Amino acid sequence: MLNNIEFANPEYFYLLIVIPLMIVWYWFNHRKANAELQVSSTAVFENSRKSIRQYLYFGLPVLRLFAIALLIIALARPQSSTSQQDVSIEGIDIVMALDVSGSMLAQDLKPDRLEAAKIVASDFFDGRPNDRIGLVIFSGETFTQCPLTTDHSVIKNLFKDIKSGMIQDGTAIGDGLATAVNRLKESEAISKVIILLTDGVNNAGSIDPVSAAEIAKLYGIRIYTIGVGTIGMAPYPVQTPYGLEYREVEVKIDEELLQEVTQLTDGKYFRATSNQKLREIYDEIDQLEKSKIDVTEFRRKSEEFFPLALMAFVLLALEFIFRKTIFKTIP
């Protein structure tokens, strides 16, 4: 963008003092140059008027004055600056580890825990367009649903296919964490984060959650854990010979384990007892993990004296041509 004009050598503006001096010189010189003729009567000149050519003759000094003024401004070296911001965004790499065990079908969150988690997580991703995001799902076993990517539409489409029962049932929190760590360990992002959401107790898998958290700490990965489920009892769908029935089941979340995991990595544990609370948790995580933006501003200067020098040359040329042709005088 073109900023205000700056001058590299503003001291040359002192030369502009010659302009008023030249005007005074032209005025005195013009008075002395007038011819004198003695006549007996001036009556013959009463109705005479000056021609346009006579008026234009006085424009010759004006052309020269403008040309000299332009040359002085050109000597001051006017420069225009072009400024631009080179924005480099250091995004955060985030892997979500999502529990898809059968207990995630409980309906203390609406329509159920799993669907509520998918909806809120999708909104969370939309608010972080500069981050790479990956998805790991776990139950009795675990696998990577989507590696780290900036194409969030891919993750949102894969979210639609996630459902409880797609893998062996159980709650392998340690394996889920370990798989997420494996996805982040080679990352060069300034911040690496795992968001683990579960509603149960670690009862499957081959890796202890605390051991997985210690590995995450070695790689500089921060873990946020979310225990999803109300306090007390929750309605859970059960298939019976008479159709689908809802029975109240006890909500069991190993909060002590989830807190220990987060403390090891300077993360934080949250408890989501409702859809609104889950949304507030993601909002808080969003505030805790902000992208770092480094802005490098540079300015490029361009010399602008040439048009002024060219205009001065044209004016001097016109003044010379007119003086030697149309306004030529005979001594």
C-alpha atoms as a PDB file:
ATOM      1  CA  MET A   1       0.000   0.000   0.000  1.00  0.00           C
ATOM      2  CA  LEU A   2       1.323   3.488  -0.945  1.00  0.00           C
ATOM      3  CA  ASN A   3       2.131   5.442   2.172  1.00  0.00           C
ATOM      4  CA  ASN A   4       2.946   9.150   2.532  1.00  0.00           C
ATOM      5  CA  ILE A   5       5.772  10.460   0.380  1.00  0.00           C
ATOM      6  CA  GLU A   6       9.077  10.800   2.201  1.00  0.00           C
ATOM      7  CA  PHE A   7      12.190  12.736   1.130  1.00  0.00           C
ATOM      8  CA  ALA A   8      15.691  11.281   1.391  1.00  0.00           C
ATOM      9  CA  ASN A   9      17.407  14.717   1.150  1.00  0.00           C
ATOM     10  CA  PRO A  10      14.951  17.290   2.520  1.00  0.00           C
ATOM     11  CA  GLU A  11      17.772  19.841   3.012  1.00  0.00           C
ATOM     12  CA  TYR A  12      17.522  20.706  -0.694  1.00  0.00           C
ATOM     13  CA  PHE A  13      14.205  22.402   0.005  1.00  0.00           C
ATOM     14  CA  TYR A  14      16.231  25.404   1.232  1.00  0.00           C
ATOM     15  CA  LEU A  15      17.001  26.054  -2.426  1.00  0.00           C
ATOM     16  CA  LEU A  16      13.364  27.027  -2.936  1.00  0.00           C
ATOM     17  CA  ILE A  17      14.348  30.421  -1.576  1.00  0.00           C
ATOM     18  CA  VAL A  18      15.581  31.239  -5.104  1.00  0.00           C
ATOM     19  CA  ILE A  19      11.981  31.201  -6.407  1.00  0.00           C
ATOM     20  CA  PRO A  20      10.843  34.441  -4.700  1.00  0.00           C
ATOM     21  CA  LEU A  21      14.245  35.997  -5.466  1.00  0.00           C
ATOM     22  CA  MET A  22      13.818  35.191  -9.154  1.00  0.00           C
ATOM     23  CA  ILE A  23      10.293  36.665  -9.111  1.00  0.00           C
ATOM     24  CA  VAL A  24      11.668  39.951  -7.733  1.00  0.00           C
ATOM     25  CA  TRP A  25      14.492  39.887 -10.306  1.00  0.00           C
ATOM     26  CA  TYR A  26      12.045  39.307 -13.179  1.00  0.00           C
ATOM     27  CA  TRP A  27       9.869  42.181 -11.997  1.00  0.00           C
ATOM     28  CA  PHE A  28      12.729  44.694 -11.827  1.00  0.00           C
ATOM     29  CA  ASN A  29      14.228  43.404 -15.066  1.00  0.00           C
ATOM     30  CA  HIS A  30      10.881  43.788 -16.868  1.00  0.00           C
ATOM     31  CA  ARG A  31      10.545  47.405 -15.774  1.00  0.00           C
ATOM     32  CA  LYS A  32      14.012  48.262 -17.095  1.00  0.00           C
ATOM     33  CA  ALA A  33      13.382  46.440 -20.359  1.00  0.00           C
ATOM     34  CA  ASN A  34      10.379  48.611 -21.334  1.00  0.00           C
ATOM     35  CA  ALA A  35      11.137  50.869 -24.338  1.00  0.00           C
ATOM     36  CA  GLU A  36      10.419  54.634 -24.094  1.00  0.00           C
ATOM     37  CA  LEU A  37       9.005  56.708 -26.911  1.00  0.00           C
ATOM     38  CA  GLN A  38       8.173  60.415 -26.737  1.00  0.00           C
ATOM     39  CA  VAL A  39       4.920  61.394 -28.451  1.00  0.00           C
ATOM     40  CA  SER A  40       2.912  64.606 -28.461  1.00  0.00           C
ATOM     41  CA  SER A  41      -0.369  62.861 -27.611  1.00  0.00           C
ATOM     42  CA  THR A  42      -1.480  59.425 -26.327  1.00  0.00           C
ATOM     43  CA  ALA A  43      -4.992  59.728 -27.699  1.00  0.00           C
ATOM     44  CA  VAL A  44      -4.214  57.303 -30.486  1.00  0.00           C
ATOM     45  CA  PHE A  45      -3.469  54.564 -27.922  1.00  0.00           C
ATOM     46  CA  GLU A  46      -6.617  55.063 -25.796  1.00  0.00           C
ATOM     47  CA  ASN A  47      -8.660  52.324 -27.502  1.00  0.00           C
ATOM     48  CA  SER A  48      -5.772  49.880 -27.970  1.00  0.00           C
ATOM     49  CA  ARG A  49      -5.730  46.648 -25.947  1.00  0.00           C
ATOM     50  CA  LYS A  50      -3.015  44.145 -25.200  1.00  0.00           C
ATOM     51  CA  SER A  51      -3.208  40.995 -27.308  1.00  0.00           C
ATOM     52  CA  ILE A  52      -3.404  37.479 -25.920  1.00  0.00           C
ATOM     53  CA  ARG A  53       0.134  36.951 -27.166  1.00  0.00           C
ATOM     54  CA  GLN A  54       1.339  39.797 -24.931  1.00  0.00           C
ATOM     55  CA  TYR A  55      -0.341  38.248 -21.908  1.00  0.00           C
ATOM     56  CA  LEU A  56       1.073  34.807 -22.713  1.00  0.00           C
ATOM     57  CA  TYR A  57       4.556  36.271 -23.003  1.00  0.00           C
ATOM     58  CA  PHE A  58       4.553  36.758 -19.229  1.00  0.00           C
ATOM     59  CA  GLY A  59       3.945  33.033 -18.861  1.00  0.00           C
ATOM     60  CA  LEU A  60       7.483  32.217 -20.029  1.00  0.00           C
ATOM     61  CA  PRO A  61       9.084  33.117 -16.669  1.00  0.00           C
ATOM     62  CA  VAL A  62       6.343  31.125 -14.940  1.00  0.00           C
ATOM     63  CA  LEU A  63       7.323  28.022 -16.923  1.00  0.00           C
ATOM     64  CA  ARG A  64      10.938  28.494 -15.906  1.00  0.00           C
ATOM     65  CA  LEU A  65      10.031  29.025 -12.220  1.00  0.00           C
ATOM     66  CA  PHE A  66       7.913  25.883 -12.146  1.00  0.00           C
ATOM     67  CA  ALA A  67      10.705  23.924 -13.829  1.00  0.00           C
ATOM     68  CA  ILE A  68      13.281  25.090 -11.267  1.00  0.00           C
ATOM     69  CA  ALA A  69      10.885  24.269  -8.387  1.00  0.00           C
ATOM     70  CA  LEU A  70      10.349  20.766  -9.768  1.00  0.00           C
ATOM     71  CA  LEU A  71      14.106  20.223 -10.128  1.00  0.00           C
ATOM     72  CA  ILE A  72      14.657  21.255  -6.499  1.00  0.00           C
ATOM     73  CA  ILE A  73      11.953  18.823  -5.326  1.00  0.00           C
ATOM     74  CA  ALA A  74      13.548  16.094  -7.454  1.00  0.00           C
ATOM     75  CA  LEU A  75      16.922  16.814  -5.782  1.00  0.00           C
ATOM     76  CA  ALA A  76      15.229  16.196  -2.418  1.00  0.00           C
ATOM     77  CA  ARG A  77      14.598  12.617  -3.664  1.00  0.00           C
ATOM     78  CA  PRO A  78      10.931  11.924  -2.982  1.00  0.00           C
ATOM     79  CA  GLN A  79      10.326   8.267  -2.148  1.00  0.00           C
ATOM     80  CA  SER A  80       7.153   6.224  -1.841  1.00  0.00           C
ATOM     81  CA  SER A  81       7.063   3.286   0.554  1.00  0.00           C
ATOM     82  CA  THR A  82       5.327  -0.009  -0.007  1.00  0.00           C
ATOM     83  CA  SER A  83       4.628  -1.790   3.255  1.00  0.00           C
ATOM     84  CA  GLN A  84       3.529  -5.385   3.623  1.00  0.00           C
ATOM     85  CA  GLN A  85       3.002  -7.825   6.462  1.00  0.00           C
ATOM     86  CA  ASP A  86       4.428 -11.301   6.147  1.00  0.00           C
ATOM     87  CA  VAL A  87       2.296 -13.327   8.556  1.00  0.00           C
ATOM     88  CA  SER A  88       3.662 -16.649   9.689  1.00  0.00           C
ATOM     89  CA  ILE A  89       1.220 -18.700  11.759  1.00  0.00           C
ATOM     90  CA  GLU A  90       2.618 -21.361  14.023  1.00  0.00           C
ATOM     91  CA  GLY A  91      -0.433 -23.614  14.395  1.00  0.00           C
ATOM     92  CA  ILE A  92      -1.073 -26.078  17.169  1.00  0.00           C
ATOM     93  CA  ASP A  93      -1.224 -29.792  16.472  1.00  0.00           C
ATOM     94  CA  ILE A  94      -4.209 -31.349  18.216  1.00  0.00           C
ATOM     95  CA  VAL A  95      -5.199 -35.008  18.371  1.00  0.00           C
ATOM     96  CA  MET A  96      -8.590 -35.885  19.780  1.00  0.00           C
ATOM     97  CA  ALA A  97      -8.828 -39.283  21.451  1.00  0.00           C
ATOM     98  CA  LEU A  98     -12.530 -40.160  21.529  1.00  0.00           C
ATOM     99  CA  ASP A  99     -14.074 -42.976  23.550  1.00  0.00           C
ATOM    100  CA  VAL A 100     -16.589 -44.929  21.437  1.00  0.00           C
ATOM    101  CA  SER A 101     -17.411 -47.644  23.975  1.00  0.00           C
ATOM    102  CA  GLY A 102     -20.979 -48.806  24.492  1.00  0.00           C
ATOM    103  CA  SER A 103     -21.469 -46.617  27.566  1.00  0.00           C
ATOM    104  CA  MET A 104     -21.170 -43.533  25.314  1.00  0.00           C
ATOM    105  CA  LEU A 105     -24.756 -44.267  24.219  1.00  0.00           C
ATOM    106  CA  ALA A 106     -26.076 -43.108  27.602  1.00  0.00           C
ATOM    107  CA  GLN A 107     -28.494 -40.233  27.182  1.00  0.00           C
ATOM    108  CA  ASP A 108     -27.643 -37.914  30.053  1.00  0.00           C
ATOM    109  CA  LEU A 109     -26.289 -35.716  27.223  1.00  0.00           C
ATOM    110  CA  LYS A 110     -28.528 -35.231  24.194  1.00  0.00           C
ATOM    111  CA  PRO A 111     -29.049 -37.038  21.934  1.00  0.00           C
ATOM    112  CA  ASP A 112     -26.403 -39.198  23.621  1.00  0.00           C
ATOM    113  CA  ARG A 113     -22.858 -38.756  24.900  1.00  0.00           C
ATOM    114  CA  LEU A 114     -21.146 -39.773  21.668  1.00  0.00           C
ATOM    115  CA  GLU A 115     -23.251 -37.596  19.367  1.00  0.00           C
ATOM    116  CA  ALA A 116     -22.959 -34.628  21.723  1.00  0.00           C
ATOM    117  CA  ALA A 117     -19.180 -35.046  21.766  1.00  0.00           C
ATOM    118  CA  LYS A 118     -19.050 -35.170  17.955  1.00  0.00           C
ATOM    119  CA  ILE A 119     -21.183 -32.042  17.516  1.00  0.00           C
ATOM    120  CA  VAL A 120     -19.248 -29.916  19.995  1.00  0.00           C
ATOM    121  CA  ALA A 121     -15.858 -31.133  18.743  1.00  0.00           C
ATOM    122  CA  SER A 122     -16.827 -30.219  15.159  1.00  0.00           C
ATOM    123  CA  ASP A 123     -17.653 -26.668  16.253  1.00  0.00           C
ATOM    124  CA  PHE A 124     -14.340 -26.534  18.126  1.00  0.00           C
ATOM    125  CA  PHE A 125     -12.426 -27.494  14.973  1.00  0.00           C
ATOM    126  CA  ASP A 126     -14.230 -24.828  12.932  1.00  0.00           C
ATOM    127  CA  GLY A 127     -12.893 -22.194  15.299  1.00  0.00           C
ATOM    128  CA  ARG A 128      -9.267 -23.273  14.776  1.00  0.00           C
ATOM    129  CA  PRO A 129      -8.647 -23.097  10.994  1.00  0.00           C
ATOM    130  CA  ASN A 130      -4.859 -22.769  11.354  1.00  0.00           C
ATOM    131  CA  ASP A 131      -4.332 -25.915  13.425  1.00  0.00           C
ATOM    132  CA  ARG A 132      -3.581 -29.425  12.265  1.00  0.00           C
ATOM    133  CA  ILE A 133      -6.037 -31.840  13.836  1.00  0.00           C
ATOM    134  CA  GLY A 134      -6.070 -35.622  14.027  1.00  0.00           C
ATOM    135  CA  LEU A 135      -8.573 -38.127  15.371  1.00  0.00           C
ATOM    136  CA  VAL A 136      -8.034 -41.324  17.351  1.00  0.00           C
ATOM    137  CA  ILE A 137     -10.915 -43.500  18.520  1.00  0.00           C
ATOM    138  CA  PHE A 138     -10.680 -46.115  21.223  1.00  0.00           C
ATOM    139  CA  SER A 139     -12.817 -48.622  23.031  1.00  0.00           C
ATOM    140  CA  GLY A 140     -11.461 -52.063  23.902  1.00  0.00           C
ATOM    141  CA  GLU A 141      -8.882 -51.381  21.184  1.00  0.00           C
ATOM    142  CA  THR A 142      -7.767 -48.273  19.374  1.00  0.00           C
ATOM    143  CA  PHE A 143      -6.906 -46.982  15.919  1.00  0.00           C
ATOM    144  CA  THR A 144      -6.293 -43.714  14.088  1.00  0.00           C
ATOM    145  CA  GLN A 145      -9.416 -42.502  12.334  1.00  0.00           C
ATOM    146  CA  CYS A 146      -7.623 -39.526  10.756  1.00  0.00           C
ATOM    147  CA  PRO A 147      -3.955 -38.417  10.878  1.00  0.00           C
ATOM    148  CA  LEU A 148      -3.006 -34.793  11.443  1.00  0.00           C
ATOM    149  CA  THR A 149      -4.470 -32.570   8.747  1.00  0.00           C
ATOM    150  CA  THR A 150      -5.487 -28.960   8.140  1.00  0.00           C
ATOM    151  CA  ASP A 151      -8.433 -30.120   6.019  1.00  0.00           C
ATOM    152  CA  HIS A 152     -11.028 -30.030   8.758  1.00  0.00           C
ATOM    153  CA  SER A 153     -13.800 -31.012   6.369  1.00  0.00           C
ATOM    154  CA  VAL A 154     -12.199 -34.465   6.153  1.00  0.00           C
ATOM    155  CA  ILE A 155     -12.382 -34.928   9.928  1.00  0.00           C
ATOM    156  CA  LYS A 156     -15.974 -33.706  10.053  1.00  0.00           C
ATOM    157  CA  ASN A 157     -16.950 -36.186   7.365  1.00  0.00           C
ATOM    158  CA  LEU A 158     -15.177 -38.998   9.231  1.00  0.00           C
ATOM    159  CA  PHE A 159     -17.015 -37.967  12.382  1.00  0.00           C
ATOM    160  CA  LYS A 160     -20.276 -38.909  10.726  1.00  0.00           C
ATOM    161  CA  ASP A 161     -19.124 -42.522  10.404  1.00  0.00           C
ATOM    162  CA  ILE A 162     -18.087 -42.905  14.048  1.00  0.00           C
ATOM    163  CA  LYS A 163     -20.450 -44.962  16.140  1.00  0.00           C
ATOM    164  CA  SER A 164     -20.364 -47.139  19.178  1.00  0.00           C
ATOM    165  CA  GLY A 165     -19.691 -50.804  18.489  1.00  0.00           C
ATOM    166  CA  MET A 166     -17.458 -50.255  15.461  1.00  0.00           C
ATOM    167  CA  ILE A 167     -14.573 -51.805  17.400  1.00  0.00           C
ATOM    168  CA  GLN A 168     -14.276 -54.229  20.330  1.00  0.00           C
ATOM    169  CA  ASP A 169     -16.026 -52.899  23.417  1.00  0.00           C
ATOM    170  CA  GLY A 170     -14.161 -51.791  26.546  1.00  0.00           C
ATOM    171  CA  THR A 171     -12.302 -48.683  27.700  1.00  0.00           C
ATOM    172  CA  ALA A 172      -8.585 -48.732  26.844  1.00  0.00           C
ATOM    173  CA  ILE A 173      -7.662 -45.213  27.952  1.00  0.00           C
ATOM    174  CA  GLY A 174      -3.928 -45.992  28.014  1.00  0.00           C
ATOM    175  CA  ASP A 175      -3.916 -47.377  24.481  1.00  0.00           C
ATOM    176  CA  GLY A 176      -5.912 -44.397  23.232  1.00  0.00           C
ATOM    177  CA  LEU A 177      -3.397 -42.014  24.765  1.00  0.00           C
ATOM    178  CA  ALA A 178      -0.424 -43.970  23.420  1.00  0.00           C
ATOM    179  CA  THR A 179      -1.828 -43.926  19.866  1.00  0.00           C
ATOM    180  CA  ALA A 180      -2.431 -40.185  20.102  1.00  0.00           C
ATOM    181  CA  VAL A 181       1.131 -39.652  21.382  1.00  0.00           C
ATOM    182  CA  ASN A 182       2.454 -41.675  18.461  1.00  0.00           C
ATOM    183  CA  ARG A 183       0.679 -39.300  16.080  1.00  0.00           C
ATOM    184  CA  LEU A 184       2.239 -36.243  17.714  1.00  0.00           C
ATOM    185  CA  LYS A 185       5.757 -37.333  18.614  1.00  0.00           C
ATOM    186  CA  GLU A 186       7.252 -36.300  15.242  1.00  0.00           C
ATOM    187  CA  SER A 187       5.388 -32.998  15.168  1.00  0.00           C
ATOM    188  CA  GLU A 188       7.420 -29.781  15.011  1.00  0.00           C
ATOM    189  CA  ALA A 189       4.510 -27.566  16.065  1.00  0.00           C
ATOM    190  CA  ILE A 190       5.115 -25.030  18.805  1.00  0.00           C
ATOM    191  CA  SER A 191       2.373 -26.694  20.857  1.00  0.00           C
ATOM    192  CA  LYS A 192       1.168 -30.298  20.818  1.00  0.00           C
ATOM    193  CA  VAL A 193      -2.092 -31.212  22.505  1.00  0.00           C
ATOM    194  CA  ILE A 194      -4.197 -34.304  23.159  1.00  0.00           C
ATOM    195  CA  ILE A 195      -7.860 -33.930  24.086  1.00  0.00           C
ATOM    196  CA  LEU A 196      -9.098 -37.226  25.522  1.00  0.00           C
ATOM    197  CA  LEU A 197     -12.814 -37.688  26.093  1.00  0.00           C
ATOM    198  CA  THR A 198     -14.112 -40.714  27.970  1.00  0.00           C
ATOM    199  CA  ASP A 199     -16.994 -41.727  30.209  1.00  0.00           C
ATOM    200  CA  GLY A 200     -15.576 -44.744  31.964  1.00  0.00           C
ATOM    201  CA  VAL A 201     -12.816 -46.531  33.815  1.00  0.00           C
ATOM    202  CA  ASN A 202      -9.705 -47.963  32.189  1.00  0.00           C
ATOM    203  CA  ASN A 203     -10.476 -51.690  31.908  1.00  0.00           C
ATOM    204  CA  ALA A 204      -8.801 -52.823  28.677  1.00  0.00           C
ATOM    205  CA  GLY A 205      -5.667 -52.407  26.641  1.00  0.00           C
ATOM    206  CA  SER A 206      -2.018 -53.162  27.267  1.00  0.00           C
ATOM    207  CA  ILE A 207      -0.674 -49.728  28.217  1.00  0.00           C
ATOM    208  CA  ASP A 208      -1.179 -48.026  31.556  1.00  0.00           C
ATOM    209  CA  PRO A 209      -2.631 -44.479  31.129  1.00  0.00           C
ATOM    210  CA  VAL A 210      -0.044 -42.987  33.508  1.00  0.00           C
ATOM    211  CA  SER A 211       2.794 -44.555  31.531  1.00  0.00           C
ATOM    212  CA  ALA A 212       1.306 -43.146  28.315  1.00  0.00           C
ATOM    213  CA  ALA A 213       1.118 -39.717  29.962  1.00  0.00           C
ATOM    214  CA  GLU A 214       4.778 -39.926  30.994  1.00  0.00           C
ATOM    215  CA  ILE A 215       5.717 -40.666  27.379  1.00  0.00           C
ATOM    216  CA  ALA A 216       3.633 -37.674  26.282  1.00  0.00           C
ATOM    217  CA  LYS A 217       5.543 -35.506  28.742  1.00  0.00           C
ATOM    218  CA  LEU A 218       8.847 -36.581  27.212  1.00  0.00           C
ATOM    219  CA  TYR A 219       7.652 -35.346  23.813  1.00  0.00           C
ATOM    220  CA  GLY A 220       6.331 -32.057  25.199  1.00  0.00           C
ATOM    221  CA  ILE A 221       2.700 -33.018  24.663  1.00  0.00           C
ATOM    222  CA  ARG A 222       0.009 -31.514  26.872  1.00  0.00           C
ATOM    223  CA  ILE A 223      -3.067 -33.599  27.699  1.00  0.00           C
ATOM    224  CA  TYR A 224      -6.559 -32.326  28.447  1.00  0.00           C
ATOM    225  CA  THR A 225      -9.017 -34.943  29.663  1.00  0.00           C
ATOM    226  CA  ILE A 226     -12.801 -34.677  29.691  1.00  0.00           C
ATOM    227  CA  GLY A 227     -14.954 -36.986  31.783  1.00  0.00           C
ATOM    228  CA  VAL A 228     -18.383 -36.968  30.187  1.00  0.00           C
ATOM    229  CA  GLY A 229     -21.453 -38.010  32.157  1.00  0.00           C
ATOM    230  CA  THR A 230     -23.817 -36.706  34.786  1.00  0.00           C
ATOM    231  CA  ILE A 231     -23.427 -37.232  38.517  1.00  0.00           C
ATOM    232  CA  GLY A 232     -25.214 -40.341  39.794  1.00  0.00           C
ATOM    233  CA  MET A 233     -27.419 -42.302  37.390  1.00  0.00           C
ATOM    234  CA  ALA A 234     -27.950 -41.954  33.641  1.00  0.00           C
ATOM    235  CA  PRO A 235     -30.488 -43.469  31.211  1.00  0.00           C
ATOM    236  CA  TYR A 236     -28.917 -46.152  29.056  1.00  0.00           C
ATOM    237  CA  PRO A 237     -30.628 -47.938  26.121  1.00  0.00           C
ATOM    238  CA  VAL A 238     -30.900 -51.727  26.492  1.00  0.00           C
ATOM    239  CA  GLN A 239     -32.209 -54.074  23.827  1.00  0.00           C
ATOM    240  CA  THR A 240     -34.720 -56.540  25.265  1.00  0.00           C
ATOM    241  CA  PRO A 241     -37.071 -59.129  23.721  1.00  0.00           C
ATOM    242  CA  TYR A 242     -39.770 -56.490  24.038  1.00  0.00           C
ATOM    243  CA  GLY A 243     -37.792 -53.801  22.226  1.00  0.00           C
ATOM    244  CA  LEU A 244     -35.504 -50.980  23.281  1.00  0.00           C
ATOM    245  CA  GLU A 245     -35.768 -49.975  26.923  1.00  0.00           C
ATOM    246  CA  TYR A 246     -33.998 -47.331  28.950  1.00  0.00           C
ATOM    247  CA  ARG A 247     -32.545 -48.290  32.298  1.00  0.00           C
ATOM    248  CA  GLU A 248     -30.807 -46.153  34.858  1.00  0.00           C
ATOM    249  CA  VAL A 249     -27.142 -47.115  35.200  1.00  0.00           C
ATOM    250  CA  GLU A 250     -24.500 -45.738  37.518  1.00  0.00           C
ATOM    251  CA  VAL A 251     -22.054 -43.256  36.019  1.00  0.00           C
ATOM    252  CA  LYS A 252     -18.505 -44.365  36.797  1.00  0.00           C
ATOM    253  CA  ILE A 253     -15.620 -42.152  35.709  1.00  0.00           C
ATOM    254  CA  ASP A 254     -12.095 -42.602  37.043  1.00  0.00           C
ATOM    255  CA  GLU A 255     -11.570 -38.914  37.742  1.00  0.00           C
ATOM    256  CA  GLU A 256      -8.486 -39.484  39.879  1.00  0.00           C
ATOM    257  CA  LEU A 257      -6.740 -41.226  36.987  1.00  0.00           C
ATOM    258  CA  LEU A 258      -7.742 -38.540  34.486  1.00  0.00           C
ATOM    259  CA  GLN A 259      -6.512 -35.819  36.838  1.00  0.00           C
ATOM    260  CA  GLU A 260      -3.190 -37.593  37.348  1.00  0.00           C
ATOM    261  CA  VAL A 261      -2.707 -37.890  33.603  1.00  0.00           C
ATOM    262  CA  THR A 262      -3.262 -34.155  33.076  1.00  0.00           C
ATOM    263  CA  GLN A 263      -1.069 -33.114  36.006  1.00  0.00           C
ATOM    264  CA  LEU A 264       1.881 -35.009  34.536  1.00  0.00           C
ATOM    265  CA  THR A 265       1.688 -32.946  31.319  1.00  0.00           C
ATOM    266  CA  ASP A 266       0.576 -29.555  32.705  1.00  0.00           C
ATOM    267  CA  GLY A 267      -2.872 -30.104  31.256  1.00  0.00           C
ATOM    268  CA  LYS A 268      -6.282 -29.898  32.876  1.00  0.00           C
ATOM    269  CA  TYR A 269      -9.181 -32.213  33.717  1.00  0.00           C
ATOM    270  CA  PHE A 270     -12.795 -31.259  33.028  1.00  0.00           C
ATOM    271  CA  ARG A 271     -16.135 -32.845  33.899  1.00  0.00           C
ATOM    272  CA  ALA A 272     -18.933 -32.463  31.365  1.00  0.00           C
ATOM    273  CA  THR A 273     -22.308 -33.161  32.957  1.00  0.00           C
ATOM    274  CA  SER A 274     -24.398 -31.604  30.173  1.00  0.00           C
ATOM    275  CA  ASN A 275     -24.240 -30.424  26.568  1.00  0.00           C
ATOM    276  CA  GLN A 276     -23.758 -26.836  27.678  1.00  0.00           C
ATOM    277  CA  LYS A 277     -21.001 -27.778  30.091  1.00  0.00           C
ATOM    278  CA  LEU A 278     -19.216 -29.727  27.350  1.00  0.00           C
ATOM    279  CA  ARG A 279     -19.398 -26.698  25.072  1.00  0.00           C
ATOM    280  CA  GLU A 280     -17.993 -24.468  27.809  1.00  0.00           C
ATOM    281  CA  ILE A 281     -15.110 -26.913  28.311  1.00  0.00           C
ATOM    282  CA  TYR A 282     -14.139 -26.720  24.655  1.00  0.00           C
ATOM    283  CA  ASP A 283     -14.392 -22.924  24.799  1.00  0.00           C
ATOM    284  CA  GLU A 284     -11.985 -22.917  27.739  1.00  0.00           C
ATOM    285  CA  ILE A 285      -9.547 -25.220  25.947  1.00  0.00           C
ATOM    286  CA  ASP A 286      -9.794 -22.942  22.930  1.00  0.00           C
ATOM    287  CA  GLN A 287      -8.725 -19.999  25.100  1.00  0.00           C
ATOM    288  CA  LEU A 288      -5.929 -21.979  26.743  1.00  0.00           C
ATOM    289  CA  GLU A 289      -4.460 -23.078  23.413  1.00  0.00           C
ATOM    290  CA  LYS A 290      -4.124 -20.060  21.177  1.00  0.00           C
ATOM    291  CA  SER A 291      -2.084 -20.086  17.999  1.00  0.00           C
ATOM    292  CA  LYS A 292       1.095 -18.041  17.973  1.00  0.00           C
ATOM    293  CA  ILE A 293       1.235 -15.483  15.166  1.00  0.00           C
ATOM    294  CA  ASP A 294       4.586 -13.923  14.216  1.00  0.00           C
ATOM    295  CA  VAL A 295       4.178 -10.834  12.059  1.00  0.00           C
ATOM    296  CA  THR A 296       7.190  -9.525  10.159  1.00  0.00           C
ATOM    297  CA  GLU A 297       6.623  -6.100   8.619  1.00  0.00           C
ATOM    298  CA  PHE A 298       8.882  -4.835   5.886  1.00  0.00           C
ATOM    299  CA  ARG A 299       8.911  -1.646   3.821  1.00  0.00           C
ATOM    300  CA  ARG A 300      10.227  -1.179   0.299  1.00  0.00           C
ATOM    301  CA  LYS A 301      11.009   2.340  -0.899  1.00  0.00           C
ATOM    302  CA  SER A 302      10.773   3.483  -4.523  1.00  0.00           C
ATOM    303  CA  GLU A 303      12.405   6.617  -5.974  1.00  0.00           C
ATOM    304  CA  GLU A 304       9.841   9.064  -7.351  1.00  0.00           C
ATOM    305  CA  PHE A 305      12.134  11.887  -8.580  1.00  0.00           C
ATOM    306  CA  PHE A 306      12.170  10.856 -12.250  1.00  0.00           C
ATOM    307  CA  PRO A 307       8.639  12.096 -13.152  1.00  0.00           C
ATOM    308  CA  LEU A 308       9.442  15.444 -11.528  1.00  0.00           C
ATOM    309  CA  ALA A 309      12.743  15.780 -13.403  1.00  0.00           C
ATOM    310  CA  LEU A 310      11.003  14.844 -16.659  1.00  0.00           C
ATOM    311  CA  MET A 311       8.284  17.463 -16.112  1.00  0.00           C
ATOM    312  CA  ALA A 312      10.952  20.093 -15.368  1.00  0.00           C
ATOM    313  CA  PHE A 313      12.777  19.214 -18.593  1.00  0.00           C
ATOM    314  CA  VAL A 314       9.531  19.489 -20.585  1.00  0.00           C
ATOM    315  CA  LEU A 315       8.735  22.914 -19.087  1.00  0.00           C
ATOM    316  CA  LEU A 316      12.251  24.223 -19.805  1.00  0.00           C
ATOM    317  CA  ALA A 317      12.033  22.875 -23.348  1.00  0.00           C
ATOM    318  CA  LEU A 318       8.669  24.572 -23.906  1.00  0.00           C
ATOM    319  CA  GLU A 319       9.986  27.823 -22.481  1.00  0.00           C
ATOM    320  CA  PHE A 320      13.017  27.707 -24.819  1.00  0.00           C
ATOM    321  CA  ILE A 321      10.936  26.824 -27.907  1.00  0.00           C
ATOM    322  CA  PHE A 322       8.306  29.518 -27.274  1.00  0.00           C
ATOM    323  CA  ARG A 323      10.952  32.159 -26.575  1.00  0.00           C
ATOM    324  CA  LYS A 324      12.768  31.366 -29.839  1.00  0.00           C
ATOM    325  CA  THR A 325       9.636  31.097 -31.981  1.00  0.00           C
ATOM    326  CA  ILE A 326       6.283  32.643 -31.049  1.00  0.00           C
ATOM    327  CA  PHE A 327       7.663  35.137 -28.517  1.00  0.00           C
ATOM    328  CA  LYS A 328      10.931  35.878 -30.226  1.00  0.00           C
ATOM    329  CA  THR A 329      12.071  39.476 -29.644  1.00  0.00           C
ATOM    330  CA  ILE A 330      14.364  41.644 -31.678  1.00  0.00           C
ATOM    331  CA  PRO A 331      16.911  43.725 -29.693  1.00  0.00           C
END
